[in-house]
Amino acid sequence: MNIKSLLLGSAAALAAVSGAHAADAIVAAEPEPLEYVRICDAYGAGYFFIPGTETCLKIGGRVRTEGEWYDAYNPNSKNGTLWHTRAELSVDTATDTEYGPLKTNTVIRWDWSDGNSTSTKLLFANISLGGFLVGKADSQYNSYIGYAGDVINDDVIYDGPYELNQLTYNYDAGNGFTAMVSVEDSNSSGSGASYGASWWSDDKGNHYAPDVVAGAGFKSGAWGFKVVGGYDSIVEEGAIKARVDADFGVFSAFLMGGYNTDGDKLNKYAGTNLDRSACPVNSPAKCGWGDWAVWGGVGVPINEKLKWNLQLAYTDSKIFAATTNVKWNPVKNLLIEPEVSYTNFDSVNQDQWAGILRFERSF
C-alpha cells in the first residue's frame, strides 16, 4: 500500500466518524431573555416598573410602637402605661396618560393595644387623574390647609374630619396659586365616630346630600396663606379656617384661626375629639370650639437629625391645649419622638397632663 492510498483511507474513516458524531449532537435551546426590574423615577423615589407593563409601583409602610401615659383628650383618664403598636402597608401605582399621571394610593393599617385590643382598617384607597381624586382619603378641610402642627396630639382642639370618601378637584396654577373643591361623605348611615368623638353623632337616615369643602391659597417665597371652608349638610352648619405659614430656615411657624357658623352646635367641621367628660352634662357644644378656635406653632430644626416642635391652641369655649415634642432621627428612616401635652378644660374646671414616647421605622 502506497502513501497516497493510506492518506485517502484515513480521510474517509475520519469523515465517517465525524458524520456519526454530528448526527448524535444535542443542540441547546436558546435561553429566555432576562427582564430586569427597571427604575421609574418620573414619580419620585422608590417607584419601579411592574415587569411587562408601563405601570410604576411603589411599596412602603411603617412599624410604630409607643407608650402612652394618661390622655390629653380626657380629663378623667388615670391610665398608667398604655402600650400601642401599629403597622401600615402602603401601595402606590402610577401610569402616564394623555391626561397626566393615573395614580392609586392604598394604605392598610393594623393596631394592637395592651395585648387585648386589635383592629384592621382600610385607611386610604383612592384614584387620581388630571387633578381629580375619588375614593377614601383625609378630608380636604384638613389635608389641603395642612393639618394643625408637627405634633402627635395636634387635634386636641378639633381641626376637622379625617378619613372619608370624597370626590375632589385640585387646581394648581403653577405660580403659587392653588384652589380646591370637594364633595364628601355625609356619613348619613354610619356612626359619627368616624370623624369625631365616639359619643357625638349627627347621623340622619335617608339623607342624600353630600358635604361640601372648598379652599384657595397662595405661596410666595417663605410665606404661604390658605383658607378653607366646610359645610355639614346634615347639621346644616359649617366652619371656615384660615392659615398663614412662614419658613425662615432657622425656624418655621404657623398661625391658624377657625370660625364656627353656630357656636351652640357641633358640626363635622367644628366638632370635637374630646371625651364626653370634658364638657358639662347638658352642654356638649362646650367640647367644641364655641364660636371660634385658634392654633399656632413653631418648629426649630436643631440639626439634620433633631427638631423641636411646639403647638398651642385655644377656643371660645375656653379649652386650652399645649403640646411640645422632640423628633430625633438617629439613623435614616428611624424616628424616636417623646412628647408632652397639657390640656385645661375650663367648663368642667379640670386639667390633664399626658405623655407619649414613640418609636417608628418607615420604609
Protein backbone atom coordinates (compact mmCIF):
# COMPACT_ATOMS: atom_id res chain seq x y z
CA MET A 1 0.00 0.00 0.00
CA ASN A 2 1.49 3.34 -1.01
CA ILE A 3 1.36 6.57 0.98
CA LYS A 4 -1.39 8.09 -1.21
CA SER A 5 -3.77 5.17 -0.59
CA LEU A 6 -3.12 5.35 3.18
CA LEU A 7 -3.93 9.05 3.35
CA LEU A 8 -7.15 8.66 1.33
CA GLY A 9 -8.31 5.77 3.54
CA SER A 10 -7.63 7.73 6.74
CA ALA A 11 -9.55 10.76 5.46
CA ALA A 12 -12.57 8.59 4.58
CA ALA A 13 -12.55 6.97 8.04
CA LEU A 14 -12.39 10.35 9.76
CA ALA A 15 -15.28 11.67 7.65
CA ALA A 16 -17.44 8.67 8.59
CA VAL A 17 -16.72 9.09 12.31
CA SER A 18 -17.40 12.86 12.13
CA GLY A 19 -20.71 12.24 10.39
CA ALA A 20 -21.79 9.79 13.09
CA HIS A 21 -21.00 12.29 15.88
CA ALA A 22 -22.78 15.12 14.01
CA ALA A 23 -25.93 13.03 13.79
CA ASP A 24 -25.85 12.46 17.57
CA ALA A 25 -25.17 16.12 18.55
CA ILE A 26 -27.62 17.85 21.03
CA VAL A 27 -28.47 21.46 20.24
CA ALA A 28 -29.14 23.57 23.42
CA ALA A 29 -32.30 25.72 23.45
CA GLU A 30 -31.85 29.48 23.29
CA PRO A 31 -32.11 30.99 26.82
CA GLU A 32 -35.11 33.18 27.56
CA PRO A 33 -34.17 36.86 27.70
CA LEU A 34 -33.91 38.17 31.26
CA GLU A 35 -36.20 41.10 32.18
CA TYR A 36 -34.66 43.15 34.95
CA VAL A 37 -36.68 45.48 37.19
CA ARG A 38 -36.47 48.98 35.76
CA ILE A 39 -36.39 52.05 37.97
CA CYS A 40 -39.25 54.51 37.40
CA ASP A 41 -38.03 57.88 38.66
CA ALA A 42 -40.68 60.05 36.97
CA TYR A 43 -42.91 59.92 40.07
CA GLY A 44 -40.29 60.13 42.80
CA ALA A 45 -38.00 57.78 44.69
CA GLY A 46 -39.00 54.17 45.27
CA TYR A 47 -41.05 53.54 42.11
CA PHE A 48 -40.22 50.72 39.68
CA PHE A 49 -41.92 49.36 36.57
CA ILE A 50 -44.08 46.26 37.03
CA PRO A 51 -42.38 43.80 34.59
CA GLY A 52 -44.17 43.61 31.27
CA THR A 53 -46.20 46.79 31.86
CA GLU A 54 -45.85 50.57 31.77
CA THR A 55 -47.26 50.89 35.30
CA CYS A 56 -44.95 52.07 38.08
CA LEU A 57 -45.28 50.59 41.58
CA LYS A 58 -44.10 51.74 44.98
CA ILE A 59 -44.37 49.67 48.17
CA GLY A 60 -43.79 51.22 51.57
CA GLY A 61 -45.10 51.46 55.10
CA ARG A 62 -44.11 51.81 58.70
CA VAL A 63 -43.99 49.99 62.04
CA ARG A 64 -44.65 52.01 65.18
CA THR A 65 -44.69 51.23 68.87
CA GLU A 66 -45.31 53.73 71.65
CA GLY A 67 -46.01 54.08 75.34
CA GLU A 68 -48.79 56.48 76.36
CA TRP A 69 -49.42 57.94 79.82
CA TYR A 70 -52.81 59.50 80.63
CA ASP A 71 -54.91 61.05 77.85
CA ALA A 72 -54.82 64.67 76.66
CA TYR A 73 -58.40 64.30 75.33
CA ASN A 74 -59.92 63.02 78.59
CA PRO A 75 -59.70 64.90 81.93
CA ASN A 76 -60.68 61.74 83.85
CA SER A 77 -58.05 59.45 82.34
CA LYS A 78 -55.82 57.94 85.03
CA ASN A 79 -54.17 55.24 82.92
CA GLY A 80 -50.70 54.06 83.72
CA THR A 81 -48.74 52.92 80.69
CA LEU A 82 -50.86 52.09 77.64
CA TRP A 83 -48.67 50.28 75.10
CA HIS A 84 -49.78 50.65 71.49
CA THR A 85 -48.26 49.06 68.37
CA ARG A 86 -49.21 49.78 64.75
CA ALA A 87 -48.19 48.53 61.31
CA GLU A 88 -49.09 50.13 57.98
CA LEU A 89 -48.57 48.89 54.44
CA SER A 90 -48.90 51.33 51.52
CA VAL A 91 -49.08 50.51 47.81
CA ASP A 92 -48.93 53.30 45.20
CA THR A 93 -49.20 52.97 41.43
CA ALA A 94 -48.72 55.49 38.60
CA THR A 95 -49.10 55.29 34.82
CA ASP A 96 -48.51 58.08 32.31
CA THR A 97 -51.57 59.03 30.21
CA GLU A 98 -52.57 61.83 27.84
CA TYR A 99 -54.32 63.50 30.81
CA GLY A 100 -51.34 63.22 33.14
CA PRO A 101 -50.41 60.52 35.68
CA LEU A 102 -53.11 57.99 36.59
CA LYS A 103 -52.40 57.14 40.23
CA THR A 104 -53.77 55.00 43.04
CA ASN A 105 -52.99 55.08 46.75
CA THR A 106 -53.87 52.24 49.14
CA VAL A 107 -52.95 52.07 52.84
CA ILE A 108 -53.90 49.24 55.22
CA ARG A 109 -53.41 49.64 58.97
CA TRP A 110 -53.20 47.10 61.82
CA ASP A 111 -53.32 48.13 65.51
CA TRP A 112 -52.65 46.28 68.77
CA SER A 113 -53.02 47.82 72.24
CA ASP A 114 -52.02 46.25 75.56
CA GLY A 115 -52.45 42.70 74.31
CA ASN A 116 -56.26 42.75 74.28
CA SER A 117 -57.36 45.15 71.55
CA THR A 118 -56.78 44.69 67.82
CA SER A 119 -58.14 46.32 64.68
CA THR A 120 -57.60 46.21 60.94
CA LYS A 121 -58.57 49.16 58.77
CA LEU A 122 -58.51 50.21 55.14
CA LEU A 123 -57.08 53.64 55.89
CA PHE A 124 -56.91 55.07 52.35
CA ALA A 125 -57.96 53.83 48.90
CA ASN A 126 -58.26 56.39 46.12
CA ILE A 127 -57.70 57.07 42.41
CA SER A 128 -56.40 60.35 40.98
CA LEU A 129 -56.08 61.73 37.44
CA GLY A 130 -55.78 65.23 35.99
CA GLY A 131 -56.33 67.00 39.32
CA PHE A 132 -59.31 64.80 40.29
CA LEU A 133 -59.27 62.42 43.26
CA VAL A 134 -62.02 59.91 44.11
CA GLY A 135 -62.14 57.42 46.96
CA LYS A 136 -61.15 57.36 50.61
CA ALA A 137 -58.67 59.95 51.92
CA ASP A 138 -58.44 62.54 54.69
CA SER A 139 -60.96 65.36 54.35
CA GLN A 140 -59.65 68.23 52.22
CA TYR A 141 -60.70 70.51 55.08
CA ASN A 142 -57.64 69.12 56.85
CA SER A 143 -55.22 67.90 54.20
CA TYR A 144 -55.46 70.95 51.90
CA ILE A 145 -54.75 73.51 54.60
CA GLY A 146 -52.00 71.49 56.31
CA TYR A 147 -53.50 69.96 59.49
CA ALA A 148 -52.53 71.67 62.79
CA GLY A 149 -48.86 71.29 63.67
CA ASP A 150 -45.99 68.81 63.73
CA VAL A 151 -47.01 67.11 66.99
CA ILE A 152 -48.78 63.81 67.74
CA ASN A 153 -51.66 65.34 69.74
CA ASP A 154 -52.30 68.04 67.14
CA ASP A 155 -56.11 67.71 67.24
CA VAL A 156 -56.89 68.01 70.96
CA ILE A 157 -58.58 71.18 69.71
CA TYR A 158 -60.56 69.63 66.84
CA ASP A 159 -59.26 70.74 63.43
CA GLY A 160 -61.62 68.77 61.18
CA PRO A 161 -62.51 65.28 59.93
CA TYR A 162 -60.03 62.75 58.61
CA GLU A 163 -60.75 59.54 56.66
CA LEU A 164 -63.85 59.66 54.42
CA ASN A 165 -64.99 59.07 50.85
CA GLN A 166 -64.83 62.06 48.53
CA LEU A 167 -64.70 63.44 45.01
CA THR A 168 -62.16 66.27 44.85
CA TYR A 169 -60.68 68.57 42.25
CA ASN A 170 -57.36 70.33 42.97
CA TYR A 171 -56.16 73.18 40.76
CA ASP A 172 -52.54 74.37 40.66
CA ALA A 173 -51.83 77.44 38.52
CA GLY A 174 -48.07 76.88 38.72
CA ASN A 175 -47.43 80.41 40.03
CA GLY A 176 -48.12 79.77 43.73
CA PHE A 177 -51.92 79.91 43.49
CA THR A 178 -53.92 76.75 44.26
CA ALA A 179 -57.61 76.01 44.73
CA MET A 180 -59.74 73.01 45.65
CA VAL A 181 -63.37 71.91 45.75
CA SER A 182 -64.60 68.63 47.24
CA VAL A 183 -67.88 66.79 47.86
CA GLU A 184 -67.50 64.46 50.83
CA ASP A 185 -69.37 61.63 52.52
CA SER A 186 -72.03 62.95 54.89
CA ASN A 187 -71.98 59.70 56.94
CA SER A 188 -75.76 59.63 56.81
CA SER A 189 -75.90 55.95 57.70
CA GLY A 190 -72.71 55.46 59.75
CA SER A 191 -71.52 56.46 63.20
CA GLY A 192 -70.30 59.96 63.90
CA ALA A 193 -67.20 58.39 65.46
CA SER A 194 -65.62 58.27 62.00
CA TYR A 195 -64.91 61.99 62.20
CA GLY A 196 -65.21 62.95 65.86
CA ALA A 197 -65.62 61.75 69.43
CA SER A 198 -67.46 58.43 69.75
CA TRP A 199 -70.34 59.95 71.75
CA TRP A 200 -71.06 62.64 69.15
CA SER A 201 -73.26 61.63 66.22
CA ASP A 202 -75.28 63.75 63.80
CA ASP A 203 -76.39 60.92 61.52
CA LYS A 204 -79.63 61.19 59.59
CA GLY A 205 -81.09 58.24 57.69
CA ASN A 206 -82.03 58.63 54.01
CA HIS A 207 -80.01 61.84 53.71
CA TYR A 208 -78.59 62.05 50.20
CA ALA A 209 -76.82 65.43 50.04
CA PRO A 210 -73.02 65.28 50.43
CA ASP A 211 -70.96 67.71 52.48
CA VAL A 212 -69.02 70.37 50.56
CA VAL A 213 -65.48 71.70 51.11
CA ALA A 214 -63.74 74.46 49.14
CA GLY A 215 -60.46 76.31 49.55
CA ALA A 216 -57.86 78.56 47.96
CA GLY A 217 -54.30 79.55 48.73
CA PHE A 218 -51.17 81.35 47.59
CA LYS A 219 -47.49 80.72 48.37
CA SER A 220 -44.58 83.01 47.58
CA GLY A 221 -41.08 82.53 48.94
CA ALA A 222 -41.10 81.94 52.68
CA TRP A 223 -44.78 82.84 53.09
CA GLY A 224 -47.98 80.94 52.43
CA PHE A 225 -51.68 81.64 53.02
CA LYS A 226 -54.68 79.31 52.71
CA VAL A 227 -58.37 79.46 53.56
CA VAL A 228 -60.82 76.54 53.54
CA GLY A 229 -64.49 76.15 54.39
CA GLY A 230 -66.69 73.12 55.03
CA TYR A 231 -70.50 72.74 55.09
CA ASP A 232 -72.12 69.89 57.06
CA SER A 233 -75.29 69.10 55.11
CA ILE A 234 -76.91 67.18 58.00
CA VAL A 235 -76.39 69.75 60.76
CA GLU A 236 -76.79 72.49 58.12
CA GLU A 237 -73.90 74.45 59.63
CA GLY A 238 -70.20 74.68 58.86
CA ALA A 239 -66.86 76.31 59.61
CA ILE A 240 -64.03 78.25 58.00
CA LYS A 241 -60.30 78.05 58.71
CA ALA A 242 -57.55 80.41 57.56
CA ARG A 243 -53.84 79.71 57.95
CA VAL A 244 -50.57 81.63 57.50
CA ASP A 245 -47.23 79.76 57.23
CA ALA A 246 -43.71 81.16 57.30
CA ASP A 247 -40.40 79.32 56.87
CA PHE A 248 -37.27 81.27 57.78
CA GLY A 249 -34.84 78.37 57.62
CA VAL A 250 -33.70 78.53 61.24
CA PHE A 251 -37.34 78.02 62.27
CA SER A 252 -40.82 77.71 60.77
CA ALA A 253 -44.12 78.94 62.22
CA PHE A 254 -47.85 78.89 61.53
CA LEU A 255 -50.98 80.65 62.80
CA MET A 256 -54.47 79.29 62.07
CA GLY A 257 -57.90 80.54 63.07
CA GLY A 258 -61.33 78.93 62.74
CA TYR A 259 -64.89 80.33 62.78
CA ASN A 260 -67.99 78.21 63.54
CA THR A 261 -71.25 79.36 61.91
CA ASP A 262 -73.18 78.33 65.05
CA GLY A 263 -71.17 78.13 68.25
CA ASP A 264 -74.03 76.40 70.09
CA LYS A 265 -73.78 73.32 67.85
CA LEU A 266 -71.19 70.75 66.92
CA ASN A 267 -70.75 70.03 63.22
CA LYS A 268 -68.32 67.96 61.19
CA TYR A 269 -66.02 70.95 60.57
CA ALA A 270 -66.20 72.49 64.06
CA GLY A 271 -66.64 69.38 66.18
CA THR A 272 -64.69 67.66 68.93
CA ASN A 273 -62.34 64.75 69.61
CA LEU A 274 -62.66 65.08 73.40
CA ASP A 275 -64.12 62.62 75.85
CA ARG A 276 -67.69 63.41 76.94
CA SER A 277 -66.43 64.19 80.45
CA ALA A 278 -64.61 67.27 79.09
CA CYS A 279 -67.85 69.27 78.88
CA PRO A 280 -70.88 69.82 81.15
CA VAL A 281 -73.62 67.17 81.03
CA ASN A 282 -76.18 69.37 79.30
CA SER A 283 -73.73 71.32 77.08
CA PRO A 284 -71.98 69.02 74.58
CA ALA A 285 -71.07 72.05 72.44
CA LYS A 286 -68.68 73.07 75.24
CA CYS A 287 -66.42 70.25 74.00
CA GLY A 288 -66.19 72.04 70.64
CA TRP A 289 -64.93 75.45 69.56
CA GLY A 290 -67.85 77.62 70.57
CA ASP A 291 -67.76 80.45 68.03
CA TRP A 292 -64.05 80.25 67.22
CA ALA A 293 -60.73 78.47 67.71
CA VAL A 294 -57.09 79.41 67.15
CA TRP A 295 -53.90 77.35 66.73
CA GLY A 296 -50.26 78.36 66.48
CA GLY A 297 -46.93 76.60 66.44
CA VAL A 298 -43.21 76.70 65.74
CA GLY A 299 -40.68 74.14 64.53
CA VAL A 300 -36.94 74.54 65.13
CA PRO A 301 -34.52 72.20 63.32
CA ILE A 302 -31.57 71.93 65.72
CA ASN A 303 -29.52 69.85 63.28
CA GLU A 304 -30.20 67.40 60.45
CA LYS A 305 -31.26 64.70 62.94
CA LEU A 306 -33.07 66.69 65.64
CA LYS A 307 -36.10 69.01 65.59
CA TRP A 308 -38.13 70.69 68.36
CA ASN A 309 -41.85 71.49 67.91
CA LEU A 310 -44.44 73.42 69.91
CA GLN A 311 -48.19 73.80 69.33
CA LEU A 312 -50.65 75.97 71.29
CA ALA A 313 -54.42 76.12 70.79
CA TYR A 314 -57.39 77.85 72.42
CA THR A 315 -61.16 78.03 71.86
CA ASP A 316 -64.08 80.33 72.54
CA SER A 317 -65.37 77.53 74.82
CA LYS A 318 -62.24 78.07 76.97
CA ILE A 319 -60.31 74.90 76.21
CA PHE A 320 -56.54 75.40 76.18
CA ALA A 321 -54.12 72.83 74.76
CA ALA A 322 -50.31 72.90 74.63
CA THR A 323 -48.05 70.18 73.20
CA THR A 324 -44.31 70.01 72.70
CA ASN A 325 -42.06 67.27 71.36
CA VAL A 326 -38.61 66.44 70.07
CA LYS A 327 -38.23 64.44 66.83
CA TRP A 328 -34.91 62.57 66.71
CA ASN A 329 -33.75 60.54 63.70
CA PRO A 330 -30.61 58.70 64.93
CA VAL A 331 -30.40 56.91 61.56
CA LYS A 332 -32.32 57.30 58.31
CA ASN A 333 -36.00 56.24 58.50
CA LEU A 334 -35.93 55.69 62.27
CA LEU A 335 -37.82 58.17 64.48
CA ILE A 336 -37.72 58.48 68.26
CA GLU A 337 -40.25 61.03 69.50
CA PRO A 338 -41.01 61.95 73.14
CA GLU A 339 -44.00 64.30 73.57
CA VAL A 340 -45.74 66.05 76.48
CA SER A 341 -49.24 67.62 76.37
CA TYR A 342 -51.24 69.81 78.77
CA THR A 343 -54.98 70.49 78.42
CA ASN A 344 -57.19 72.75 80.52
CA PHE A 345 -60.96 72.20 80.38
CA ASP A 346 -62.38 75.39 81.90
CA SER A 347 -66.08 74.45 81.66
CA VAL A 348 -65.58 71.45 83.98
CA ASN A 349 -62.72 73.05 85.97
CA GLN A 350 -60.25 70.24 85.23
CA ASP A 351 -56.89 69.84 83.54
CA GLN A 352 -54.74 66.98 82.31
CA TRP A 353 -51.10 66.17 81.62
CA ALA A 354 -50.23 63.42 79.14
CA GLY A 355 -47.11 61.91 77.62
CA ILE A 356 -46.10 59.73 74.67
CA LEU A 357 -42.82 58.02 73.78
CA ARG A 358 -42.90 56.84 70.15
CA PHE A 359 -40.54 54.66 68.11
CA GLU A 360 -41.21 54.44 64.38
CA ARG A 361 -39.45 52.76 61.46
CA SER A 362 -40.61 53.80 57.98
CA PHE A 363 -39.70 52.19 54.66
